[in-house]
Amino acid sequence: GGDVRTDVGTVARIVATQPMPDGRTYLLTVGTRRIRVVEWLEDDPYPRADVEDWQDREEGGLGDPAAYTRLLAIARRALALAREVGEPAGDATTEFAGDPALGTFQIAALSSLGPIDRQRILATDSAEERCRLLEGMLQEEAELLGFRLQDDIDPGELAPGEPAPGDRDDGDPDDPVDPDDEHP
C-alpha cells in the first residue's frame, strides 16, 4: 500500500548489511545495470514484474564533447556546497568515470538531488540527455545552496559597514526602506 512504481529501475548488488535494533536491516547497495519493466505481474506477496535490461539508445560520444567537462565542474561545485550546508551528498573530490554514460549516473547518485529528480535522470535514454538534465538541475541546486550559505552568514563576520545579504539597497524606490538605514 502506498508504494510508488516506475517503469525504470536498477538491479542492485548488496555490498553490506547491518541489522537494526527494530528488526529491520540496513542495506548498502550499488547499482549494476538499468532495467525497464515489460509487464507488471500480480502482487502476491509483493510487487513483481517481468523486466529487461535497458541500454542507452546510442553508443558513442556526446554531440558536445565539452558538455561532460562542464557537468563535472558544476557537479563538484554543487557537491561542495551541499556538504558545506550540511546536506547529504558525496565528496566533491570523487573521481567520476571518464565515460559520460557511467559518469552521469555516478553524479546523480552522489548529488543532493531528490528521488524524483534522480528517477528522471535514470529514465533518460542517452548520456547526452543526462548531461543536459543534470547540468540544469545541479546549476540550480548550486545557486540555491549558495543562497542558503549567504543567509547563514553571521553579521559579525561581515566587514565593517558591509550590509548583510538581503539588506542591500538595490535602488528600487518601491522597496520599503528601513528608517534606520543610512541613505545618501
N, C-alpha and C. Protein backbone atom coordinates (compact mmCIF):
# COMPACT_ATOMS: atom_id res chain seq x y z
N GLY A 1 0.81 -1.18 0.00
CA GLY A 1 0.00 0.00 0.00
C GLY A 1 0.85 1.24 0.00
N GLY A 2 0.48 2.19 -0.85
CA GLY A 2 1.15 3.48 -0.86
C GLY A 2 2.48 3.50 -1.59
N ASP A 3 2.84 2.39 -2.23
CA ASP A 3 4.12 2.37 -2.91
C ASP A 3 4.03 3.14 -4.22
N VAL A 4 5.17 3.64 -4.66
CA VAL A 4 5.26 4.35 -5.93
C VAL A 4 6.04 3.47 -6.88
N ARG A 5 5.46 3.21 -8.04
CA ARG A 5 6.11 2.34 -9.01
C ARG A 5 6.50 3.14 -10.23
N THR A 6 7.64 2.78 -10.78
CA THR A 6 8.08 3.37 -12.02
C THR A 6 8.42 2.24 -12.98
N ASP A 7 8.52 2.57 -14.24
CA ASP A 7 8.81 1.55 -15.24
C ASP A 7 10.30 1.38 -15.51
N VAL A 8 11.14 2.15 -14.81
CA VAL A 8 12.59 2.06 -14.96
C VAL A 8 13.19 1.90 -13.58
N GLY A 9 14.16 1.01 -13.46
CA GLY A 9 14.80 0.78 -12.17
C GLY A 9 16.24 0.33 -12.35
N THR A 10 16.82 -0.13 -11.26
CA THR A 10 18.22 -0.56 -11.25
C THR A 10 18.33 -1.90 -10.55
N VAL A 11 19.08 -2.80 -11.13
CA VAL A 11 19.45 -4.02 -10.43
C VAL A 11 20.59 -3.64 -9.51
N ALA A 12 20.48 -4.00 -8.24
CA ALA A 12 21.48 -3.60 -7.26
C ALA A 12 22.18 -4.81 -6.66
N ARG A 13 23.45 -4.64 -6.39
CA ARG A 13 24.24 -5.66 -5.70
C ARG A 13 24.39 -5.19 -4.26
N ILE A 14 24.11 -6.07 -3.31
CA ILE A 14 24.25 -5.74 -1.89
C ILE A 14 25.73 -5.78 -1.53
N VAL A 15 26.23 -4.66 -1.02
CA VAL A 15 27.64 -4.54 -0.65
C VAL A 15 27.84 -4.83 0.83
N ALA A 16 26.89 -4.38 1.65
CA ALA A 16 26.99 -4.60 3.10
C ALA A 16 25.60 -4.58 3.71
N THR A 17 25.46 -5.26 4.85
CA THR A 17 24.20 -5.26 5.60
C THR A 17 24.49 -4.94 7.05
N GLN A 18 23.49 -4.34 7.71
CA GLN A 18 23.62 -4.06 9.13
C GLN A 18 22.24 -4.20 9.77
N PRO A 19 22.09 -5.15 10.70
CA PRO A 19 20.80 -5.28 11.39
C PRO A 19 20.54 -4.05 12.27
N MET A 20 19.28 -3.64 12.31
CA MET A 20 18.88 -2.50 13.13
C MET A 20 18.16 -3.03 14.38
N PRO A 21 18.16 -2.27 15.48
CA PRO A 21 17.53 -2.74 16.72
C PRO A 21 16.04 -3.07 16.58
N ASP A 22 15.35 -2.42 15.63
CA ASP A 22 13.91 -2.65 15.49
C ASP A 22 13.58 -3.85 14.59
N GLY A 23 14.61 -4.60 14.18
CA GLY A 23 14.37 -5.79 13.37
C GLY A 23 14.56 -5.58 11.88
N ARG A 24 14.60 -4.33 11.44
CA ARG A 24 14.87 -4.06 10.02
C ARG A 24 16.36 -4.25 9.75
N THR A 25 16.72 -4.23 8.49
CA THR A 25 18.13 -4.37 8.11
C THR A 25 18.51 -3.22 7.18
N TYR A 26 19.62 -2.58 7.49
CA TYR A 26 20.16 -1.52 6.64
C TYR A 26 21.00 -2.18 5.56
N LEU A 27 20.74 -1.82 4.28
CA LEU A 27 21.49 -2.37 3.16
C LEU A 27 22.30 -1.28 2.48
N LEU A 28 23.53 -1.57 2.15
CA LEU A 28 24.34 -0.70 1.31
C LEU A 28 24.43 -1.40 -0.03
N THR A 29 23.97 -0.73 -1.08
CA THR A 29 23.93 -1.36 -2.40
C THR A 29 24.63 -0.50 -3.43
N VAL A 30 24.95 -1.12 -4.54
CA VAL A 30 25.48 -0.39 -5.69
C VAL A 30 24.73 -0.90 -6.93
N GLY A 31 24.29 0.04 -7.76
CA GLY A 31 23.57 -0.34 -8.97
C GLY A 31 24.52 -0.99 -9.96
N THR A 32 24.04 -2.05 -10.61
CA THR A 32 24.89 -2.75 -11.58
C THR A 32 24.42 -2.57 -13.02
N ARG A 33 23.10 -2.43 -13.20
CA ARG A 33 22.59 -2.19 -14.54
C ARG A 33 21.16 -1.65 -14.44
N ARG A 34 20.76 -0.99 -15.52
CA ARG A 34 19.43 -0.38 -15.57
C ARG A 34 18.46 -1.35 -16.24
N ILE A 35 17.23 -1.37 -15.72
CA ILE A 35 16.19 -2.24 -16.26
C ILE A 35 14.92 -1.45 -16.55
N ARG A 36 14.09 -2.02 -17.41
CA ARG A 36 12.80 -1.43 -17.74
C ARG A 36 11.74 -2.51 -17.55
N VAL A 37 10.60 -2.12 -16.96
CA VAL A 37 9.50 -3.05 -16.74
C VAL A 37 8.82 -3.32 -18.07
N VAL A 38 8.68 -4.61 -18.39
CA VAL A 38 7.96 -5.04 -19.58
C VAL A 38 6.48 -5.25 -19.22
N GLU A 39 6.25 -5.86 -18.04
CA GLU A 39 4.88 -6.12 -17.61
C GLU A 39 4.86 -6.27 -16.09
N TRP A 40 3.89 -5.59 -15.45
CA TRP A 40 3.68 -5.78 -14.02
C TRP A 40 2.88 -7.05 -13.81
N LEU A 41 3.28 -7.84 -12.83
CA LEU A 41 2.61 -9.11 -12.52
C LEU A 41 1.77 -8.94 -11.27
N GLU A 42 1.05 -9.97 -10.90
CA GLU A 42 0.21 -9.93 -9.70
C GLU A 42 1.07 -9.69 -8.45
N ASP A 43 0.56 -8.86 -7.55
CA ASP A 43 1.27 -8.55 -6.30
C ASP A 43 1.00 -9.62 -5.26
N ASP A 44 1.68 -10.74 -5.38
CA ASP A 44 1.45 -11.80 -4.40
C ASP A 44 2.76 -12.50 -4.09
N PRO A 45 3.40 -12.25 -3.04
CA PRO A 45 3.03 -11.42 -1.88
C PRO A 45 3.60 -10.00 -1.93
N TYR A 46 4.29 -9.64 -2.99
CA TYR A 46 4.93 -8.33 -3.11
C TYR A 46 4.91 -7.94 -4.58
N PRO A 47 5.17 -6.66 -4.89
CA PRO A 47 5.17 -6.24 -6.30
C PRO A 47 6.21 -7.02 -7.10
N ARG A 48 5.78 -7.51 -8.27
CA ARG A 48 6.65 -8.27 -9.15
C ARG A 48 6.45 -7.79 -10.58
N ALA A 49 7.47 -8.00 -11.40
CA ALA A 49 7.37 -7.59 -12.81
C ALA A 49 8.33 -8.40 -13.66
N ASP A 50 7.98 -8.52 -14.93
CA ASP A 50 8.93 -9.01 -15.93
C ASP A 50 9.70 -7.79 -16.39
N VAL A 51 11.02 -7.91 -16.41
CA VAL A 51 11.86 -6.76 -16.77
C VAL A 51 12.86 -7.17 -17.85
N GLU A 52 13.44 -6.16 -18.48
CA GLU A 52 14.51 -6.37 -19.46
C GLU A 52 15.60 -5.35 -19.19
N ASP A 53 16.84 -5.72 -19.52
CA ASP A 53 17.94 -4.76 -19.42
C ASP A 53 17.65 -3.62 -20.38
N TRP A 54 18.06 -2.40 -19.99
CA TRP A 54 17.80 -1.23 -20.82
C TRP A 54 19.09 -0.46 -21.02
N GLN A 55 19.54 -0.41 -22.25
CA GLN A 55 20.76 0.31 -22.61
C GLN A 55 20.38 1.67 -23.19
N ASP A 56 21.34 2.60 -23.17
CA ASP A 56 21.13 3.89 -23.83
C ASP A 56 20.87 3.66 -25.31
N ARG A 57 20.13 4.57 -25.93
CA ARG A 57 19.77 4.41 -27.34
C ARG A 57 20.97 4.56 -28.26
N GLU A 58 21.99 5.32 -27.83
CA GLU A 58 23.16 5.46 -28.68
C GLU A 58 24.41 5.02 -27.93
N GLU A 59 25.26 4.38 -28.62
CA GLU A 59 26.57 4.03 -28.08
C GLU A 59 27.53 5.01 -28.73
N GLY A 60 28.21 5.78 -27.97
CA GLY A 60 29.14 6.72 -28.58
C GLY A 60 29.20 7.99 -27.78
N GLY A 61 29.83 8.97 -28.37
CA GLY A 61 30.10 10.21 -27.67
C GLY A 61 28.92 11.15 -27.61
N LEU A 62 29.19 12.27 -27.01
CA LEU A 62 28.20 13.34 -26.89
C LEU A 62 28.29 14.25 -28.09
N GLY A 63 27.19 14.88 -28.46
CA GLY A 63 27.20 15.85 -29.55
C GLY A 63 28.12 17.02 -29.23
N ASP A 64 28.17 17.41 -27.96
CA ASP A 64 29.04 18.49 -27.48
C ASP A 64 30.06 17.87 -26.54
N PRO A 65 31.29 17.64 -27.00
CA PRO A 65 32.29 16.96 -26.17
C PRO A 65 32.60 17.71 -24.87
N ALA A 66 32.39 19.02 -24.84
CA ALA A 66 32.68 19.80 -23.63
C ALA A 66 31.55 19.71 -22.60
N ALA A 67 30.41 19.13 -22.98
CA ALA A 67 29.26 19.08 -22.07
C ALA A 67 29.58 18.32 -20.79
N TYR A 68 30.25 17.20 -20.90
CA TYR A 68 30.57 16.39 -19.73
C TYR A 68 31.59 17.10 -18.84
N THR A 69 32.55 17.79 -19.44
CA THR A 69 33.53 18.57 -18.67
C THR A 69 32.83 19.67 -17.88
N ARG A 70 31.89 20.37 -18.52
CA ARG A 70 31.11 21.40 -17.82
C ARG A 70 30.30 20.79 -16.69
N LEU A 71 29.68 19.64 -16.97
CA LEU A 71 28.88 18.96 -15.94
C LEU A 71 29.74 18.59 -14.74
N LEU A 72 30.92 18.07 -14.97
CA LEU A 72 31.81 17.70 -13.86
C LEU A 72 32.11 18.91 -12.97
N ALA A 73 32.38 20.05 -13.57
CA ALA A 73 32.69 21.26 -12.79
C ALA A 73 31.47 21.70 -11.97
N ILE A 74 30.30 21.70 -12.59
CA ILE A 74 29.07 22.09 -11.88
C ILE A 74 28.77 21.08 -10.77
N ALA A 75 28.95 19.80 -11.06
CA ALA A 75 28.68 18.76 -10.06
C ALA A 75 29.59 18.92 -8.85
N ARG A 76 30.87 19.17 -9.08
CA ARG A 76 31.81 19.34 -7.96
C ARG A 76 31.43 20.56 -7.12
N ARG A 77 31.02 21.63 -7.77
CA ARG A 77 30.60 22.84 -7.05
C ARG A 77 29.35 22.54 -6.21
N ALA A 78 28.36 21.88 -6.81
CA ALA A 78 27.12 21.56 -6.09
C ALA A 78 27.40 20.61 -4.93
N LEU A 79 28.26 19.62 -5.13
CA LEU A 79 28.59 18.68 -4.05
C LEU A 79 29.28 19.40 -2.90
N ALA A 80 30.22 20.28 -3.22
CA ALA A 80 30.93 21.03 -2.17
C ALA A 80 29.97 21.93 -1.39
N LEU A 81 29.10 22.62 -2.09
CA LEU A 81 28.13 23.49 -1.41
C LEU A 81 27.16 22.68 -0.56
N ALA A 82 26.70 21.55 -1.08
CA ALA A 82 25.77 20.71 -0.32
C ALA A 82 26.41 20.25 0.98
N ARG A 83 27.65 19.81 0.91
CA ARG A 83 28.35 19.37 2.13
C ARG A 83 28.53 20.54 3.09
N GLU A 84 28.81 21.73 2.55
CA GLU A 84 29.03 22.90 3.39
C GLU A 84 27.78 23.31 4.16
N VAL A 85 26.61 23.14 3.57
CA VAL A 85 25.37 23.49 4.27
C VAL A 85 24.79 22.32 5.05
N GLY A 86 25.47 21.16 5.01
CA GLY A 86 25.03 20.02 5.81
C GLY A 86 24.06 19.09 5.12
N GLU A 87 23.90 19.22 3.81
CA GLU A 87 23.03 18.31 3.06
C GLU A 87 23.78 17.01 2.81
N PRO A 88 23.07 15.89 2.76
CA PRO A 88 23.75 14.64 2.41
C PRO A 88 24.17 14.66 0.94
N ALA A 89 25.43 14.50 0.71
CA ALA A 89 25.96 14.50 -0.66
C ALA A 89 27.33 13.84 -0.64
N GLY A 90 27.75 13.38 -1.80
CA GLY A 90 29.06 12.76 -1.93
C GLY A 90 30.17 13.79 -1.84
N ASP A 91 31.38 13.30 -1.85
CA ASP A 91 32.58 14.14 -1.76
C ASP A 91 32.83 14.81 -3.11
N ALA A 92 33.09 16.11 -3.08
CA ALA A 92 33.32 16.87 -4.31
C ALA A 92 34.60 16.43 -5.02
N THR A 93 35.49 15.75 -4.34
CA THR A 93 36.74 15.31 -4.96
C THR A 93 36.64 13.89 -5.53
N THR A 94 35.46 13.31 -5.53
CA THR A 94 35.25 11.98 -6.09
C THR A 94 35.72 11.94 -7.54
N GLU A 95 36.41 10.89 -7.91
CA GLU A 95 36.82 10.69 -9.30
C GLU A 95 35.68 10.00 -10.05
N PHE A 96 35.03 10.75 -10.91
CA PHE A 96 33.94 10.19 -11.71
C PHE A 96 34.50 9.51 -12.95
N ALA A 97 33.75 8.57 -13.49
CA ALA A 97 34.18 7.85 -14.69
C ALA A 97 34.42 8.83 -15.83
N GLY A 98 35.38 8.50 -16.67
CA GLY A 98 35.65 9.32 -17.85
C GLY A 98 34.59 9.15 -18.92
N ASP A 99 33.84 8.06 -18.86
CA ASP A 99 32.77 7.78 -19.80
C ASP A 99 31.49 8.44 -19.32
N PRO A 100 30.95 9.41 -20.07
CA PRO A 100 29.72 10.11 -19.64
C PRO A 100 28.55 9.18 -19.39
N ALA A 101 28.47 8.05 -20.10
CA ALA A 101 27.35 7.12 -19.91
C ALA A 101 27.32 6.61 -18.47
N LEU A 102 28.46 6.31 -17.89
CA LEU A 102 28.54 5.87 -16.50
C LEU A 102 28.65 7.05 -15.54
N GLY A 103 29.46 8.03 -15.89
CA GLY A 103 29.70 9.18 -15.01
C GLY A 103 28.44 9.95 -14.66
N THR A 104 27.51 10.07 -15.61
CA THR A 104 26.27 10.80 -15.31
C THR A 104 25.45 10.09 -14.24
N PHE A 105 25.46 8.76 -14.26
CA PHE A 105 24.76 8.01 -13.22
C PHE A 105 25.47 8.19 -11.87
N GLN A 106 26.80 8.19 -11.87
CA GLN A 106 27.56 8.39 -10.63
C GLN A 106 27.27 9.77 -10.04
N ILE A 107 27.25 10.78 -10.88
CA ILE A 107 26.99 12.15 -10.41
C ILE A 107 25.60 12.23 -9.79
N ALA A 108 24.60 11.67 -10.45
CA ALA A 108 23.23 11.70 -9.92
C ALA A 108 23.16 11.00 -8.57
N ALA A 109 23.86 9.86 -8.45
CA ALA A 109 23.80 9.09 -7.20
C ALA A 109 24.44 9.83 -6.04
N LEU A 110 25.51 10.58 -6.29
CA LEU A 110 26.22 11.26 -5.20
C LEU A 110 25.69 12.66 -4.92
N SER A 111 24.84 13.18 -5.78
CA SER A 111 24.34 14.54 -5.61
C SER A 111 23.30 14.62 -4.49
N SER A 112 22.92 15.84 -4.17
CA SER A 112 21.87 16.04 -3.16
C SER A 112 20.49 16.17 -3.82
N LEU A 113 20.39 15.77 -5.09
CA LEU A 113 19.09 15.79 -5.76
C LEU A 113 18.13 14.83 -5.07
N GLY A 114 16.86 15.15 -5.15
CA GLY A 114 15.84 14.31 -4.53
C GLY A 114 15.53 13.08 -5.38
N PRO A 115 14.73 12.16 -4.82
CA PRO A 115 14.45 10.91 -5.52
C PRO A 115 13.70 11.09 -6.84
N ILE A 116 12.85 12.07 -6.95
CA ILE A 116 12.12 12.27 -8.21
C ILE A 116 13.08 12.72 -9.31
N ASP A 117 13.99 13.65 -8.97
CA ASP A 117 14.97 14.09 -9.96
C ASP A 117 15.92 12.96 -10.33
N ARG A 118 16.33 12.16 -9.36
CA ARG A 118 17.21 11.02 -9.66
C ARG A 118 16.51 10.01 -10.56
N GLN A 119 15.22 9.78 -10.32
CA GLN A 119 14.46 8.85 -11.17
C GLN A 119 14.37 9.41 -12.57
N ARG A 120 14.18 10.70 -12.69
CA ARG A 120 14.11 11.34 -14.00
C ARG A 120 15.41 11.13 -14.78
N ILE A 121 16.54 11.24 -14.08
CA ILE A 121 17.84 11.00 -14.70
C ILE A 121 17.95 9.54 -15.14
N LEU A 122 17.55 8.63 -14.26
CA LEU A 122 17.62 7.21 -14.57
C LEU A 122 16.79 6.86 -15.81
N ALA A 123 15.68 7.55 -15.99
CA ALA A 123 14.74 7.24 -17.07
C ALA A 123 15.12 7.87 -18.41
N THR A 124 16.22 8.62 -18.47
CA THR A 124 16.64 9.16 -19.77
C THR A 124 17.33 8.06 -20.56
N ASP A 125 17.26 8.18 -21.88
CA ASP A 125 17.80 7.10 -22.70
C ASP A 125 19.10 7.44 -23.42
N SER A 126 19.80 8.49 -22.94
CA SER A 126 21.10 8.79 -23.54
C SER A 126 21.96 9.59 -22.56
N ALA A 127 23.27 9.41 -22.68
CA ALA A 127 24.22 10.15 -21.85
C ALA A 127 24.11 11.65 -22.15
N GLU A 128 23.86 11.99 -23.39
CA GLU A 128 23.73 13.39 -23.78
C GLU A 128 22.56 14.05 -23.05
N GLU A 129 21.43 13.36 -23.01
CA GLU A 129 20.25 13.90 -22.31
C GLU A 129 20.50 13.99 -20.81
N ARG A 130 21.18 12.98 -20.23
CA ARG A 130 21.51 13.04 -18.79
C ARG A 130 22.42 14.22 -18.49
N CYS A 131 23.41 14.46 -19.36
CA CYS A 131 24.29 15.61 -19.17
C CYS A 131 23.49 16.91 -19.15
N ARG A 132 22.59 17.04 -20.13
CA ARG A 132 21.78 18.27 -20.22
C ARG A 132 20.91 18.45 -18.98
N LEU A 133 20.20 17.38 -18.60
CA LEU A 133 19.32 17.46 -17.42
C LEU A 133 20.12 17.74 -16.14
N LEU A 134 21.19 16.98 -15.95
CA LEU A 134 21.99 17.15 -14.73
C LEU A 134 22.61 18.54 -14.67
N GLU A 135 23.10 19.04 -15.79
CA GLU A 135 23.70 20.38 -15.79
C GLU A 135 22.69 21.41 -15.29
N GLY A 136 21.47 21.36 -15.81
CA GLY A 136 20.45 22.31 -15.37
C GLY A 136 20.05 22.11 -13.92
N MET A 137 19.84 20.86 -13.52
CA MET A 137 19.43 20.57 -12.14
C MET A 137 20.51 20.97 -11.14
N LEU A 138 21.76 20.62 -11.45
CA LEU A 138 22.84 20.90 -10.50
C LEU A 138 23.22 22.37 -10.48
N GLN A 139 23.08 23.06 -11.61
CA GLN A 139 23.32 24.51 -11.63
C GLN A 139 22.31 25.20 -10.72
N GLU A 140 21.04 24.81 -10.84
CA GLU A 140 20.00 25.37 -9.98
C GLU A 140 20.26 25.01 -8.51
N GLU A 141 20.64 23.76 -8.27
CA GLU A 141 20.94 23.31 -6.91
C GLU A 141 22.09 24.12 -6.30
N ALA A 142 23.13 24.35 -7.09
CA ALA A 142 24.28 25.12 -6.62
C ALA A 142 23.88 26.56 -6.29
N GLU A 143 23.03 27.15 -7.12
CA GLU A 143 22.57 28.52 -6.86
C GLU A 143 21.76 28.57 -5.56
N LEU A 144 20.85 27.62 -5.37
CA LEU A 144 20.04 27.59 -4.15
C LEU A 144 20.92 27.38 -2.92
N LEU A 145 21.87 26.46 -3.02
CA LEU A 145 22.77 26.21 -1.89
C LEU A 145 23.63 27.44 -1.59
N GLY A 146 24.06 28.13 -2.64
CA GLY A 146 24.82 29.37 -2.45
C GLY A 146 24.01 30.42 -1.71
N PHE A 147 22.73 30.55 -2.05
CA PHE A 147 21.86 31.49 -1.34
C PHE A 147 21.71 31.09 0.12
N ARG A 148 21.57 29.78 0.37
CA ARG A 148 21.47 29.31 1.76
C ARG A 148 22.72 29.66 2.54
N LEU A 149 23.87 29.54 1.92
CA LEU A 149 25.11 29.89 2.61
C LEU A 149 25.15 31.38 2.92
N GLN A 150 24.71 32.20 1.98
CA GLN A 150 24.68 33.65 2.21
C GLN A 150 23.77 33.99 3.39
N ASP A 151 22.64 33.32 3.47
CA ASP A 151 21.70 33.59 4.56
C ASP A 151 22.23 33.13 5.91
N ASP A 152 23.19 32.20 5.90
CA ASP A 152 23.76 31.68 7.15
C ASP A 152 24.91 32.53 7.67
N ILE A 153 25.26 33.63 6.98
CA ILE A 153 26.39 34.45 7.41
C ILE A 153 26.03 35.15 8.71
N ASP A 154 26.90 35.04 9.68
CA ASP A 154 26.76 35.75 10.95
C ASP A 154 27.12 37.21 10.70
N PRO A 155 26.24 38.18 11.06
CA PRO A 155 26.56 39.59 10.81
C PRO A 155 27.91 40.01 11.39
N GLY A 156 28.38 39.34 12.42
CA GLY A 156 29.69 39.66 12.99
C GLY A 156 30.83 39.30 12.06
N GLU A 157 30.56 38.43 11.05
CA GLU A 157 31.58 38.03 10.11
C GLU A 157 31.75 39.02 8.96
N LEU A 158 30.83 39.97 8.84
CA LEU A 158 30.89 40.94 7.75
C LEU A 158 31.91 42.02 8.05
N ALA A 159 32.48 42.56 6.99
CA ALA A 159 33.40 43.69 7.16
C ALA A 159 32.61 44.88 7.68
N PRO A 160 33.26 45.77 8.46
CA PRO A 160 32.55 46.94 8.98
C PRO A 160 31.90 47.73 7.85
N GLY A 161 30.63 48.05 8.03
CA GLY A 161 29.88 48.83 7.05
C GLY A 161 29.29 48.01 5.92
N GLU A 162 29.59 46.70 5.84
CA GLU A 162 29.04 45.85 4.77
C GLU A 162 27.65 45.38 5.18
N PRO A 163 26.64 45.58 4.32
CA PRO A 163 25.29 45.13 4.68
C PRO A 163 25.19 43.61 4.64
N ALA A 164 24.32 43.07 5.45
CA ALA A 164 24.06 41.62 5.44
C ALA A 164 23.34 41.28 4.15
N PRO A 165 23.46 40.04 3.67
CA PRO A 165 22.73 39.64 2.47
C PRO A 165 21.24 39.91 2.64
N GLY A 166 20.62 40.46 1.61
CA GLY A 166 19.21 40.78 1.68
C GLY A 166 18.96 42.18 2.23
N ASP A 167 19.98 42.82 2.78
CA ASP A 167 19.84 44.17 3.32
C ASP A 167 20.39 45.22 2.38
N ARG A 168 20.83 44.82 1.21
CA ARG A 168 21.41 45.77 0.27
C ARG A 168 20.30 46.59 -0.37
N ASP A 169 20.52 47.89 -0.53
CA ASP A 169 19.57 48.76 -1.21
C ASP A 169 19.85 48.64 -2.71
N ASP A 170 18.86 48.12 -3.44
CA ASP A 170 19.07 47.94 -4.87
C ASP A 170 18.61 49.15 -5.67
N GLY A 171 18.21 50.22 -5.00
CA GLY A 171 17.81 51.45 -5.67
C GLY A 171 16.38 51.46 -6.13
N ASP A 172 15.60 50.41 -5.85
CA ASP A 172 14.21 50.35 -6.27
C ASP A 172 13.38 51.23 -5.33
N PRO A 173 12.78 52.31 -5.85
CA PRO A 173 12.02 53.22 -4.98
C PRO A 173 10.76 52.58 -4.39
N ASP A 174 10.29 51.47 -4.95
CA ASP A 174 9.10 50.81 -4.43
C ASP A 174 9.40 49.87 -3.28
N ASP A 175 10.70 49.57 -3.04
CA ASP A 175 11.07 48.71 -1.93
C ASP A 175 10.93 49.48 -0.63
N PRO A 176 10.39 48.83 0.41
CA PRO A 176 10.31 49.52 1.69
C PRO A 176 11.72 49.82 2.20
N VAL A 177 11.86 50.94 2.85
CA VAL A 177 13.15 51.37 3.38
C VAL A 177 13.07 51.38 4.89
N ASP A 178 14.03 50.76 5.52
CA ASP A 178 14.14 50.77 6.98
C ASP A 178 14.56 52.16 7.42
N PRO A 179 13.84 52.81 8.35
CA PRO A 179 14.21 54.17 8.75
C PRO A 179 15.59 54.24 9.38
N ASP A 180 16.12 53.11 9.87
CA ASP A 180 17.45 53.13 10.46
C ASP A 180 18.56 53.01 9.41
N ASP A 181 18.19 52.69 8.15
CA ASP A 181 19.19 52.60 7.09
C ASP A 181 19.72 53.98 6.77
N GLU A 182 21.00 54.04 6.51
CA GLU A 182 21.61 55.30 6.07
C GLU A 182 21.60 55.32 4.57
N HIS A 183 20.99 56.35 3.98
CA HIS A 183 20.96 56.50 2.53
C HIS A 183 21.54 57.83 2.19
N PRO A 184 22.36 57.92 1.13
CA PRO A 184 22.94 59.21 0.72
C PRO A 184 21.90 60.15 0.20
